[in-house]
Amino acid sequence: ACAKEAVRIHRKLAEEQPAAYLPDLAGSLVTLADCLSQQGDAASRIEALAYAKKAVGLYHELAGEQPAAYPLDFNESLKDPASCMFLQVDKASLDEALTCAKEAVSIRR
């Protein structure tokens, strides 16, 4: 509940002042995805994946604007969708998880 509230607050702040609050929104989305994925049930993992993908999109945008400022945050955010998708059983999710994991590895190098 607290993680969802943090996302709600940061989303509202980011709408008003994106430059100041998009990084916080991305971080809140990662936290929410982590909380949901730890619940273990399929519905929570699917919801976690959606939030993790939103975080990756935001970090991708931020890293594109300021590559030196966000490489590790972007790299860390890639772990969440990869983790969620590895827990899925369909091939498309596994392929997407592998893509995220490979991108995270390439950023670390």
C-alpha atoms as a PDB file:
ATOM      1  CA  ALA A   1       0.000   0.000   0.000  1.00  0.00           C
ATOM      2  CA  CYS A   2       2.818   2.412   0.851  1.00  0.00           C
ATOM      3  CA  ALA A   3       4.676   1.658  -2.396  1.00  0.00           C
ATOM      4  CA  LYS A   4       1.523   2.319  -4.445  1.00  0.00           C
ATOM      5  CA  GLU A   5       0.988   5.573  -2.577  1.00  0.00           C
ATOM      6  CA  ALA A   6       4.591   6.614  -3.292  1.00  0.00           C
ATOM      7  CA  VAL A   7       4.023   5.943  -7.008  1.00  0.00           C
ATOM      8  CA  ARG A   8       0.815   7.974  -6.935  1.00  0.00           C
ATOM      9  CA  ILE A   9       2.531  10.919  -5.231  1.00  0.00           C
ATOM     10  CA  HIS A  10       5.610  10.834  -7.444  1.00  0.00           C
ATOM     11  CA  ARG A  11       3.473  10.520 -10.579  1.00  0.00           C
ATOM     12  CA  LYS A  12       1.564  13.678  -9.620  1.00  0.00           C
ATOM     13  CA  LEU A  13       4.785  15.554  -8.827  1.00  0.00           C
ATOM     14  CA  ALA A  14       6.402  14.354 -12.084  1.00  0.00           C
ATOM     15  CA  GLU A  15       3.439  15.649 -14.066  1.00  0.00           C
ATOM     16  CA  GLU A  16       3.974  19.085 -12.553  1.00  0.00           C
ATOM     17  CA  GLN A  17       7.800  19.097 -12.615  1.00  0.00           C
ATOM     18  CA  PRO A  18       9.145  16.248 -14.769  1.00  0.00           C
ATOM     19  CA  ALA A  19      12.812  17.227 -14.586  1.00  0.00           C
ATOM     20  CA  ALA A  20      12.749  17.168 -10.818  1.00  0.00           C
ATOM     21  CA  TYR A  21      10.557  14.136 -10.144  1.00  0.00           C
ATOM     22  CA  LEU A  22      10.784  11.622 -13.015  1.00  0.00           C
ATOM     23  CA  PRO A  23      13.788   9.916 -11.371  1.00  0.00           C
ATOM     24  CA  ASP A  24      11.815   9.584  -8.134  1.00  0.00           C
ATOM     25  CA  LEU A  25       8.828   8.183  -9.999  1.00  0.00           C
ATOM     26  CA  ALA A  26      11.049   5.621 -11.717  1.00  0.00           C
ATOM     27  CA  GLY A  27      12.535   4.601  -8.370  1.00  0.00           C
ATOM     28  CA  SER A  28       9.088   4.286  -6.810  1.00  0.00           C
ATOM     29  CA  LEU A  29       7.953   2.092  -9.702  1.00  0.00           C
ATOM     30  CA  VAL A  30      10.962  -0.191  -9.161  1.00  0.00           C
ATOM     31  CA  THR A  31      10.149  -0.455  -5.456  1.00  0.00           C
ATOM     32  CA  LEU A  32       6.512  -1.263  -6.182  1.00  0.00           C
ATOM     33  CA  ALA A  33       7.515  -3.891  -8.748  1.00  0.00           C
ATOM     34  CA  ASP A  34       9.858  -5.475  -6.187  1.00  0.00           C
ATOM     35  CA  CYS A  35       7.128  -5.567  -3.530  1.00  0.00           C
ATOM     36  CA  LEU A  36       4.601  -7.112  -5.889  1.00  0.00           C
ATOM     37  CA  SER A  37       6.984  -9.695  -7.335  1.00  0.00           C
ATOM     38  CA  GLN A  38       7.840 -10.897  -3.823  1.00  0.00           C
ATOM     39  CA  GLN A  39       4.194 -11.743  -3.139  1.00  0.00           C
ATOM     40  CA  GLY A  40       4.674 -14.807  -5.305  1.00  0.00           C
ATOM     41  CA  ASP A  41       1.254 -15.173  -6.933  1.00  0.00           C
ATOM     42  CA  ALA A  42       0.836 -14.937 -10.705  1.00  0.00           C
ATOM     43  CA  ALA A  43      -1.436 -11.872 -10.620  1.00  0.00           C
ATOM     44  CA  SER A  44       1.059  -9.916  -8.510  1.00  0.00           C
ATOM     45  CA  ARG A  45       3.939 -10.910 -10.801  1.00  0.00           C
ATOM     46  CA  ILE A  46       1.992  -9.710 -13.849  1.00  0.00           C
ATOM     47  CA  GLU A  47       1.241  -6.417 -12.110  1.00  0.00           C
ATOM     48  CA  ALA A  48       4.893  -6.165 -11.023  1.00  0.00           C
ATOM     49  CA  LEU A  49       6.018  -6.656 -14.604  1.00  0.00           C
ATOM     50  CA  ALA A  50       3.834  -3.776 -15.786  1.00  0.00           C
ATOM     51  CA  TYR A  51       5.310  -1.414 -13.191  1.00  0.00           C
ATOM     52  CA  ALA A  52       8.840  -2.645 -13.892  1.00  0.00           C
ATOM     53  CA  LYS A  53       8.385  -1.972 -17.607  1.00  0.00           C
ATOM     54  CA  LYS A  54       7.191   1.565 -16.843  1.00  0.00           C
ATOM     55  CA  ALA A  55      10.296   2.122 -14.708  1.00  0.00           C
ATOM     56  CA  VAL A  56      12.555   0.841 -17.484  1.00  0.00           C
ATOM     57  CA  GLY A  57      10.863   3.214 -19.926  1.00  0.00           C
ATOM     58  CA  LEU A  58      11.412   6.179 -17.627  1.00  0.00           C
ATOM     59  CA  TYR A  59      15.042   5.274 -16.932  1.00  0.00           C
ATOM     60  CA  HIS A  60      15.597   4.748 -20.645  1.00  0.00           C
ATOM     61  CA  GLU A  61      14.256   8.257 -21.265  1.00  0.00           C
ATOM     62  CA  LEU A  62      16.355   9.727 -18.448  1.00  0.00           C
ATOM     63  CA  ALA A  63      19.508   7.894 -19.555  1.00  0.00           C
ATOM     64  CA  GLY A  64      18.934   9.138 -23.099  1.00  0.00           C
ATOM     65  CA  GLU A  65      18.821  12.718 -21.863  1.00  0.00           C
ATOM     66  CA  GLN A  66      21.713  12.392 -19.393  1.00  0.00           C
ATOM     67  CA  PRO A  67      23.636   9.150 -20.027  1.00  0.00           C
ATOM     68  CA  ALA A  68      26.285   9.777 -17.398  1.00  0.00           C
ATOM     69  CA  ALA A  69      23.718  10.440 -14.685  1.00  0.00           C
ATOM     70  CA  TYR A  70      21.579   7.317 -14.994  1.00  0.00           C
ATOM     71  CA  PRO A  71      23.461   4.246 -16.310  1.00  0.00           C
ATOM     72  CA  LEU A  72      23.360   2.305 -13.043  1.00  0.00           C
ATOM     73  CA  ASP A  73      19.740   3.213 -12.264  1.00  0.00           C
ATOM     74  CA  PHE A  74      18.759   2.113 -15.753  1.00  0.00           C
ATOM     75  CA  ASN A  75      20.778  -1.071 -15.379  1.00  0.00           C
ATOM     76  CA  GLU A  76      19.177  -1.858 -12.019  1.00  0.00           C
ATOM     77  CA  SER A  77      15.703  -1.252 -13.416  1.00  0.00           C
ATOM     78  CA  LEU A  78      16.288  -3.843 -16.135  1.00  0.00           C
ATOM     79  CA  LYS A  79      16.651  -6.536 -13.481  1.00  0.00           C
ATOM     80  CA  ASP A  80      13.029  -6.213 -12.364  1.00  0.00           C
ATOM     81  CA  PRO A  81      11.258  -7.038 -15.614  1.00  0.00           C
ATOM     82  CA  ALA A  82      13.819  -9.740 -16.281  1.00  0.00           C
ATOM     83  CA  SER A  83      13.124 -11.295 -12.881  1.00  0.00           C
ATOM     84  CA  CYS A  84       9.368 -11.078 -13.323  1.00  0.00           C
ATOM     85  CA  MET A  85       9.467 -12.515 -16.804  1.00  0.00           C
ATOM     86  CA  PHE A  86      11.737 -15.405 -15.860  1.00  0.00           C
ATOM     87  CA  LEU A  87       8.965 -16.455 -13.481  1.00  0.00           C
ATOM     88  CA  GLN A  88       6.483 -16.640 -16.369  1.00  0.00           C
ATOM     89  CA  VAL A  89       6.233 -19.820 -18.383  1.00  0.00           C
ATOM     90  CA  ASP A  90       5.522 -18.556 -21.897  1.00  0.00           C
ATOM     91  CA  LYS A  91       8.338 -18.300 -24.424  1.00  0.00           C
ATOM     92  CA  ALA A  92       7.669 -14.642 -25.281  1.00  0.00           C
ATOM     93  CA  SER A  93       8.181 -13.624 -21.641  1.00  0.00           C
ATOM     94  CA  LEU A  94      11.356 -15.666 -21.406  1.00  0.00           C
ATOM     95  CA  ASP A  95      12.699 -14.092 -24.609  1.00  0.00           C
ATOM     96  CA  GLU A  96      11.899 -10.607 -23.317  1.00  0.00           C
ATOM     97  CA  ALA A  97      13.519 -11.433 -19.962  1.00  0.00           C
ATOM     98  CA  LEU A  98      16.667 -12.549 -21.750  1.00  0.00           C
ATOM     99  CA  THR A  99      16.732  -9.321 -23.760  1.00  0.00           C
ATOM    100  CA  CYS A 100      16.458  -7.243 -20.556  1.00  0.00           C
ATOM    101  CA  ALA A 101      19.163  -9.299 -18.860  1.00  0.00           C
ATOM    102  CA  LYS A 102      21.505  -8.918 -21.855  1.00  0.00           C
ATOM    103  CA  GLU A 103      20.941  -5.162 -21.937  1.00  0.00           C
ATOM    104  CA  ALA A 104      21.720  -4.941 -18.214  1.00  0.00           C
ATOM    105  CA  VAL A 105      24.959  -6.859 -18.761  1.00  0.00           C
ATOM    106  CA  SER A 106      26.000  -4.626 -21.668  1.00  0.00           C
ATOM    107  CA  ILE A 107      25.430  -1.496 -19.548  1.00  0.00           C
ATOM    108  CA  ARG A 108      27.559  -2.911 -16.736  1.00  0.00           C
ATOM    109  CA  ARG A 109      30.454  -3.430 -19.143  1.00  0.00           C
END
